[in-house]
Structure formats: structure tokens, C-alpha cells
């Protein structure tokens, strides 16, 4: 004899199907209809799916707004933290090397800047510093990049270093501004020294 079990609203119903050995010609036994649960002990109301979705959307929007409100300086620090410690050491050395350089330096013609899409650098203002070693021997470079506002005033200076650049090699470190995304700043090579 085959037996099927059906669960409905917390009540178990068994249905027996007659087999070939049943003398009564096969019959079906059905239990009475289930009774609804007693709701007298329930408290409160469960949240509707719509209000739960709305609460989640509001929380998500608040989190997004909070993340977007972070300062440019904090984003710049986070991005630069991903740069190796060796690059940071080279940048510090570049600052020291350029302190006593008069004029634009001996490598200004070997250095240029190119833009970087903001999406690649967390919406920061940044530039690739293209340093080309045009000499016949390995050299180190120190570069000062000034960021100017729309009036031409220098609002920030960054230092970039490149170590052990081989003859004919071009390297592309970053110069990253810590200023807010607006107004748009224009980076320029102020000094470049090969040593």
C-alpha cells in the first residue's frame, strides 16, 4: 500500500491509496480540515516586504552618501597608500634633492605630464609624470609638480622621484593632488633634476 503525506497549515494529512490486496475495493481516508492558528498570543505586526525594501534602500543610500562625502585628501592618502614604500622614499628624496636646485633643473626637457582618467584614481586630480632618461647611463630623477588653480596660482606642490632609470627608458609615476575635485587644477612641471 502506498502512503502520501501532505502538510497543510501545520496539520498533517495522510492519504492512503488502495492496493490490489484491499478487500473493500480501495477507499480513501481523509482527516478533517485544519483549524487556523490561535492568534490571541501574537504581538505586533511583521513588516511588509515593501517597507523592508524601503528601509534597506534608505540605509544603502545613506551609506553611499557617507562614502561619497569623504574628503579628497583622505582618498588621495588611500590611493597613495597602495603605492610601494620604495616609491614614497623616492618622492621624499626628490623633495630634498630639489630644495637647492636653481631654475628648472637639468632634466626639465626629459619630463612631461599626461592626464589620468579620474575613474582610475578615485576622482582625484592627478597626472602621469613621464620621465625619459635621454642619457647613456642609469640615472635617478627628482621632479616638482605644481598644481595651479584657474587663476594661475599654485595651490599645491607634489614631488615625484624615479630611481635607477635605464638609458632610453621612460617611467610614469603619479603626481596626485590632495585638493578637492573642484576647481579643476592644471599640473605643470616646475623643476626636474637628473642625478
C-alpha atoms as a PDB file:
ATOM      1  CA  UNK A   1       0.000   0.000   0.000  1.00  0.00           C
ATOM      2  CA  UNK A   2       1.423   3.413  -0.942  1.00  0.00           C
ATOM      3  CA  UNK A   3       1.112   6.302   1.509  1.00  0.00           C
ATOM      4  CA  UNK A   4       1.391  10.014   0.680  1.00  0.00           C
ATOM      5  CA  UNK A   5       1.986  12.672   3.326  1.00  0.00           C
ATOM      6  CA  UNK A   6       0.701  16.204   2.787  1.00  0.00           C
ATOM      7  CA  UNK A   7       1.407  19.090   5.178  1.00  0.00           C
ATOM      8  CA  UNK A   8      -1.112  21.902   5.159  1.00  0.00           C
ATOM      9  CA  UNK A   9      -1.101  24.858   7.566  1.00  0.00           C
ATOM     10  CA  UNK A  10       0.695  22.905  10.250  1.00  0.00           C
ATOM     11  CA  UNK A  11      -1.685  19.901  10.185  1.00  0.00           C
ATOM     12  CA  UNK A  12      -0.671  16.536   8.806  1.00  0.00           C
ATOM     13  CA  UNK A  13      -2.990  14.728   6.423  1.00  0.00           C
ATOM     14  CA  UNK A  14      -2.444  11.140   5.432  1.00  0.00           C
ATOM     15  CA  UNK A  15      -3.931   9.750   2.293  1.00  0.00           C
ATOM     16  CA  UNK A  16      -3.880   6.041   1.636  1.00  0.00           C
ATOM     17  CA  UNK A  17      -4.263   4.658  -1.810  1.00  0.00           C
ATOM     18  CA  UNK A  18      -5.786   1.263  -2.177  1.00  0.00           C
ATOM     19  CA  UNK A  19      -3.696  -1.584  -3.484  1.00  0.00           C
ATOM     20  CA  UNK A  20      -4.556  -4.889  -5.054  1.00  0.00           C
ATOM     21  CA  UNK A  21      -4.887  -6.641  -1.646  1.00  0.00           C
ATOM     22  CA  UNK A  22      -7.725  -4.488  -0.291  1.00  0.00           C
ATOM     23  CA  UNK A  23     -10.990  -6.418   0.056  1.00  0.00           C
ATOM     24  CA  UNK A  24     -13.138  -3.282   0.328  1.00  0.00           C
ATOM     25  CA  UNK A  25     -12.355  -2.225  -3.236  1.00  0.00           C
ATOM     26  CA  UNK A  26      -9.995   0.556  -2.094  1.00  0.00           C
ATOM     27  CA  UNK A  27     -11.023   3.622  -0.193  1.00  0.00           C
ATOM     28  CA  UNK A  28      -9.584   6.943   0.759  1.00  0.00           C
ATOM     29  CA  UNK A  29      -9.288   8.162   4.323  1.00  0.00           C
ATOM     30  CA  UNK A  30      -9.237  11.922   4.777  1.00  0.00           C
ATOM     31  CA  UNK A  31      -8.717  13.780   8.050  1.00  0.00           C
ATOM     32  CA  UNK A  32     -10.889  16.792   8.913  1.00  0.00           C
ATOM     33  CA  UNK A  33      -9.900  20.279   7.654  1.00  0.00           C
ATOM     34  CA  UNK A  34      -7.147  22.002   9.642  1.00  0.00           C
ATOM     35  CA  UNK A  35      -8.057  24.768  12.030  1.00  0.00           C
ATOM     36  CA  UNK A  36      -6.356  28.174  11.777  1.00  0.00           C
ATOM     37  CA  UNK A  37      -3.807  29.009  14.493  1.00  0.00           C
ATOM     38  CA  UNK A  38      -4.956  30.937  17.541  1.00  0.00           C
ATOM     39  CA  UNK A  39      -3.711  34.486  17.018  1.00  0.00           C
ATOM     40  CA  UNK A  40      -4.514  35.752  20.510  1.00  0.00           C
ATOM     41  CA  UNK A  41      -0.894  35.351  21.644  1.00  0.00           C
ATOM     42  CA  UNK A  42       0.630  37.210  18.629  1.00  0.00           C
ATOM     43  CA  UNK A  43       2.024  40.684  19.290  1.00  0.00           C
ATOM     44  CA  UNK A  44       2.890  43.390  16.786  1.00  0.00           C
ATOM     45  CA  UNK A  45       2.779  43.045  13.043  1.00  0.00           C
ATOM     46  CA  UNK A  46       5.505  41.740  10.795  1.00  0.00           C
ATOM     47  CA  UNK A  47       6.988  44.305   8.391  1.00  0.00           C
ATOM     48  CA  UNK A  48       5.586  44.255   4.913  1.00  0.00           C
ATOM     49  CA  UNK A  49       8.016  43.340   2.134  1.00  0.00           C
ATOM     50  CA  UNK A  50       7.614  46.872   0.728  1.00  0.00           C
ATOM     51  CA  UNK A  51       8.566  48.638   3.971  1.00  0.00           C
ATOM     52  CA  UNK A  52      11.537  46.285   4.455  1.00  0.00           C
ATOM     53  CA  UNK A  53      12.760  47.068   0.934  1.00  0.00           C
ATOM     54  CA  UNK A  54      12.318  50.798   1.543  1.00  0.00           C
ATOM     55  CA  UNK A  55      14.312  50.604   4.791  1.00  0.00           C
ATOM     56  CA  UNK A  56      17.108  48.749   3.002  1.00  0.00           C
ATOM     57  CA  UNK A  57      17.152  51.309   0.179  1.00  0.00           C
ATOM     58  CA  UNK A  58      17.332  54.217   2.653  1.00  0.00           C
ATOM     59  CA  UNK A  59      20.180  52.556   4.560  1.00  0.00           C
ATOM     60  CA  UNK A  60      22.023  51.861   1.314  1.00  0.00           C
ATOM     61  CA  UNK A  61      21.569  55.465   0.139  1.00  0.00           C
ATOM     62  CA  UNK A  62      22.851  56.797   3.471  1.00  0.00           C
ATOM     63  CA  UNK A  63      25.915  54.563   3.262  1.00  0.00           C
ATOM     64  CA  UNK A  64      26.598  55.699  -0.310  1.00  0.00           C
ATOM     65  CA  UNK A  65      26.226  59.364   0.617  1.00  0.00           C
ATOM     66  CA  UNK A  66      28.565  58.917   3.569  1.00  0.00           C
ATOM     67  CA  UNK A  67      31.193  57.269   1.366  1.00  0.00           C
ATOM     68  CA  UNK A  68      30.876  59.990  -1.277  1.00  0.00           C
ATOM     69  CA  UNK A  69      31.332  62.705   1.335  1.00  0.00           C
ATOM     70  CA  UNK A  70      34.866  61.618   2.216  1.00  0.00           C
ATOM     71  CA  UNK A  71      37.452  64.305   1.575  1.00  0.00           C
ATOM     72  CA  UNK A  72      39.796  64.391  -1.403  1.00  0.00           C
ATOM     73  CA  UNK A  73      42.764  64.313   0.936  1.00  0.00           C
ATOM     74  CA  UNK A  74      41.605  61.062   2.541  1.00  0.00           C
ATOM     75  CA  UNK A  75      41.042  59.459  -0.878  1.00  0.00           C
ATOM     76  CA  UNK A  76      44.445  60.649  -2.049  1.00  0.00           C
ATOM     77  CA  UNK A  77      46.075  59.180   1.051  1.00  0.00           C
ATOM     78  CA  UNK A  78      44.286  55.858   0.493  1.00  0.00           C
ATOM     79  CA  UNK A  79      45.308  55.750  -3.149  1.00  0.00           C
ATOM     80  CA  UNK A  80      48.904  56.663  -2.402  1.00  0.00           C
ATOM     81  CA  UNK A  81      48.993  54.003   0.330  1.00  0.00           C
ATOM     82  CA  UNK A  82      48.679  51.459  -2.450  1.00  0.00           C
ATOM     83  CA  UNK A  83      51.916  52.781  -3.970  1.00  0.00           C
ATOM     84  CA  UNK A  84      55.007  50.959  -2.772  1.00  0.00           C
ATOM     85  CA  UNK A  85      57.113  52.217   0.113  1.00  0.00           C
ATOM     86  CA  UNK A  86      60.044  52.446  -2.296  1.00  0.00           C
ATOM     87  CA  UNK A  87      58.178  54.992  -4.447  1.00  0.00           C
ATOM     88  CA  UNK A  88      57.360  57.055  -1.363  1.00  0.00           C
ATOM     89  CA  UNK A  89      61.015  57.023  -0.335  1.00  0.00           C
ATOM     90  CA  UNK A  90      61.976  58.201  -3.847  1.00  0.00           C
ATOM     91  CA  UNK A  91      59.413  61.037  -3.593  1.00  0.00           C
ATOM     92  CA  UNK A  92      60.875  62.183  -0.260  1.00  0.00           C
ATOM     93  CA  UNK A  93      64.373  62.102  -1.715  1.00  0.00           C
ATOM     94  CA  UNK A  94      63.135  64.113  -4.730  1.00  0.00           C
ATOM     95  CA  UNK A  95      61.874  66.820  -2.380  1.00  0.00           C
ATOM     96  CA  UNK A  96      65.249  67.017  -0.655  1.00  0.00           C
ATOM     97  CA  UNK A  97      67.190  66.990  -3.959  1.00  0.00           C
ATOM     98  CA  UNK A  98      65.164  69.855  -5.430  1.00  0.00           C
ATOM     99  CA  UNK A  99      65.480  72.111  -2.372  1.00  0.00           C
ATOM    100  CA  UNK A 100      68.715  73.665  -3.670  1.00  0.00           C
ATOM    101  CA  UNK A 101      68.101  73.456  -7.426  1.00  0.00           C
ATOM    102  CA  UNK A 102      68.093  76.837  -9.155  1.00  0.00           C
ATOM    103  CA  UNK A 103      65.858  77.403 -12.195  1.00  0.00           C
ATOM    104  CA  UNK A 104      64.026  74.467 -13.767  1.00  0.00           C
ATOM    105  CA  UNK A 105      66.813  71.902 -13.281  1.00  0.00           C
ATOM    106  CA  UNK A 106      68.972  69.858 -15.655  1.00  0.00           C
ATOM    107  CA  UNK A 107      66.231  67.413 -16.751  1.00  0.00           C
ATOM    108  CA  UNK A 108      63.230  69.664 -17.480  1.00  0.00           C
ATOM    109  CA  UNK A 109      63.321  68.688 -21.171  1.00  0.00           C
ATOM    110  CA  UNK A 110      63.170  64.970 -20.239  1.00  0.00           C
ATOM    111  CA  UNK A 111      59.943  65.278 -18.208  1.00  0.00           C
ATOM    112  CA  UNK A 112      56.348  65.793 -19.368  1.00  0.00           C
ATOM    113  CA  UNK A 113      52.886  65.272 -17.890  1.00  0.00           C
ATOM    114  CA  UNK A 114      49.859  63.414 -19.222  1.00  0.00           C
ATOM    115  CA  UNK A 115      46.363  63.173 -17.815  1.00  0.00           C
ATOM    116  CA  UNK A 116      44.825  60.243 -15.989  1.00  0.00           C
ATOM    117  CA  UNK A 117      41.078  59.495 -16.169  1.00  0.00           C
ATOM    118  CA  UNK A 118      39.604  60.347 -12.768  1.00  0.00           C
ATOM    119  CA  UNK A 119      37.839  56.983 -12.592  1.00  0.00           C
ATOM    120  CA  UNK A 120      41.266  55.328 -12.308  1.00  0.00           C
ATOM    121  CA  UNK A 121      42.303  57.443  -9.296  1.00  0.00           C
ATOM    122  CA  UNK A 122      39.133  57.725  -7.153  1.00  0.00           C
ATOM    123  CA  UNK A 123      38.044  61.020  -8.810  1.00  0.00           C
ATOM    124  CA  UNK A 124      41.267  62.748  -7.758  1.00  0.00           C
ATOM    125  CA  UNK A 125      43.217  65.289  -9.760  1.00  0.00           C
ATOM    126  CA  UNK A 126      46.367  63.507 -10.861  1.00  0.00           C
ATOM    127  CA  UNK A 127      48.880  63.241 -13.687  1.00  0.00           C
ATOM    128  CA  UNK A 128      51.370  60.734 -15.032  1.00  0.00           C
ATOM    129  CA  UNK A 129      54.867  62.168 -14.756  1.00  0.00           C
ATOM    130  CA  UNK A 130      56.599  60.886 -17.884  1.00  0.00           C
ATOM    131  CA  UNK A 131      60.320  60.721 -17.114  1.00  0.00           C
ATOM    132  CA  UNK A 132      62.600  59.755 -20.003  1.00  0.00           C
ATOM    133  CA  UNK A 133      66.276  59.056 -19.467  1.00  0.00           C
ATOM    134  CA  UNK A 134      67.912  60.514 -22.588  1.00  0.00           C
ATOM    135  CA  UNK A 135      71.441  59.899 -21.328  1.00  0.00           C
ATOM    136  CA  UNK A 136      73.726  56.935 -21.891  1.00  0.00           C
ATOM    137  CA  UNK A 137      73.779  55.779 -18.264  1.00  0.00           C
ATOM    138  CA  UNK A 138      71.339  54.840 -15.498  1.00  0.00           C
ATOM    139  CA  UNK A 139      70.116  57.868 -13.548  1.00  0.00           C
ATOM    140  CA  UNK A 140      67.790  58.991 -10.775  1.00  0.00           C
ATOM    141  CA  UNK A 141      65.269  61.803 -11.248  1.00  0.00           C
ATOM    142  CA  UNK A 142      63.592  64.317  -8.952  1.00  0.00           C
ATOM    143  CA  UNK A 143      60.540  66.210 -10.243  1.00  0.00           C
ATOM    144  CA  UNK A 144      58.453  69.013  -8.715  1.00  0.00           C
ATOM    145  CA  UNK A 145      54.874  69.245  -9.996  1.00  0.00           C
ATOM    146  CA  UNK A 146      52.874  72.377  -9.198  1.00  0.00           C
ATOM    147  CA  UNK A 147      49.063  72.300  -9.327  1.00  0.00           C
ATOM    148  CA  UNK A 148      47.616  75.671 -10.383  1.00  0.00           C
ATOM    149  CA  UNK A 149      44.056  76.932  -9.960  1.00  0.00           C
ATOM    150  CA  UNK A 150      42.129  78.636 -12.823  1.00  0.00           C
ATOM    151  CA  UNK A 151      43.716  81.990 -11.831  1.00  0.00           C
ATOM    152  CA  UNK A 152      47.232  80.544 -12.273  1.00  0.00           C
ATOM    153  CA  UNK A 153      48.013  80.476  -8.545  1.00  0.00           C
ATOM    154  CA  UNK A 154      49.987  77.470  -7.243  1.00  0.00           C
ATOM    155  CA  UNK A 155      47.711  75.789  -4.691  1.00  0.00           C
ATOM    156  CA  UNK A 156      49.731  72.616  -4.162  1.00  0.00           C
ATOM    157  CA  UNK A 157      53.183  71.212  -4.897  1.00  0.00           C
ATOM    158  CA  UNK A 158      53.952  67.494  -5.137  1.00  0.00           C
ATOM    159  CA  UNK A 159      57.336  65.789  -5.508  1.00  0.00           C
ATOM    160  CA  UNK A 160      57.962  62.664  -7.558  1.00  0.00           C
ATOM    161  CA  UNK A 161      61.120  60.579  -7.704  1.00  0.00           C
ATOM    162  CA  UNK A 162      62.274  57.829 -10.025  1.00  0.00           C
ATOM    163  CA  UNK A 163      65.250  55.639  -9.171  1.00  0.00           C
ATOM    164  CA  UNK A 164      67.559  53.657 -11.455  1.00  0.00           C
ATOM    165  CA  UNK A 165      66.005  54.675 -14.766  1.00  0.00           C
ATOM    166  CA  UNK A 166      67.971  52.880 -17.507  1.00  0.00           C
ATOM    167  CA  UNK A 167      69.295  54.689 -20.601  1.00  0.00           C
ATOM    168  CA  UNK A 168      66.431  55.248 -23.066  1.00  0.00           C
ATOM    169  CA  UNK A 169      63.812  54.063 -20.536  1.00  0.00           C
ATOM    170  CA  UNK A 170      60.658  56.081 -19.761  1.00  0.00           C
ATOM    171  CA  UNK A 171      58.845  55.656 -16.442  1.00  0.00           C
ATOM    172  CA  UNK A 172      55.427  57.011 -15.439  1.00  0.00           C
ATOM    173  CA  UNK A 173      54.961  57.668 -11.702  1.00  0.00           C
ATOM    174  CA  UNK A 174      51.904  59.579 -10.440  1.00  0.00           C
ATOM    175  CA  UNK A 175      51.630  63.123  -9.123  1.00  0.00           C
ATOM    176  CA  UNK A 176      48.422  63.184  -7.061  1.00  0.00           C
ATOM    177  CA  UNK A 177      46.790  66.338  -5.737  1.00  0.00           C
ATOM    178  CA  UNK A 178      45.210  66.348  -2.285  1.00  0.00           C
ATOM    179  CA  UNK A 179      42.904  69.224  -3.258  1.00  0.00           C
ATOM    180  CA  UNK A 180      39.126  68.757  -3.737  1.00  0.00           C
ATOM    181  CA  UNK A 181      37.910  67.729  -7.217  1.00  0.00           C
ATOM    182  CA  UNK A 182      36.736  71.292  -7.941  1.00  0.00           C
ATOM    183  CA  UNK A 183      38.001  73.645  -9.183  1.00  0.00           C
ATOM    184  CA  UNK A 184      39.947  71.822 -11.871  1.00  0.00           C
ATOM    185  CA  UNK A 185      43.679  72.298 -11.325  1.00  0.00           C
ATOM    186  CA  UNK A 186      46.348  72.311 -14.001  1.00  0.00           C
ATOM    187  CA  UNK A 187      49.539  70.375 -13.185  1.00  0.00           C
ATOM    188  CA  UNK A 188      52.858  71.587 -14.564  1.00  0.00           C
ATOM    189  CA  UNK A 189      56.487  70.538 -14.251  1.00  0.00           C
ATOM    190  CA  UNK A 190      58.177  73.232 -12.147  1.00  0.00           C
ATOM    191  CA  UNK A 191      61.583  71.560 -11.747  1.00  0.00           C
ATOM    192  CA  UNK A 192      63.241  68.338 -12.846  1.00  0.00           C
ATOM    193  CA  UNK A 193      66.706  67.214 -11.861  1.00  0.00           C
ATOM    194  CA  UNK A 194      68.710  64.181 -13.021  1.00  0.00           C
ATOM    195  CA  UNK A 195      71.410  62.912 -10.664  1.00  0.00           C
END
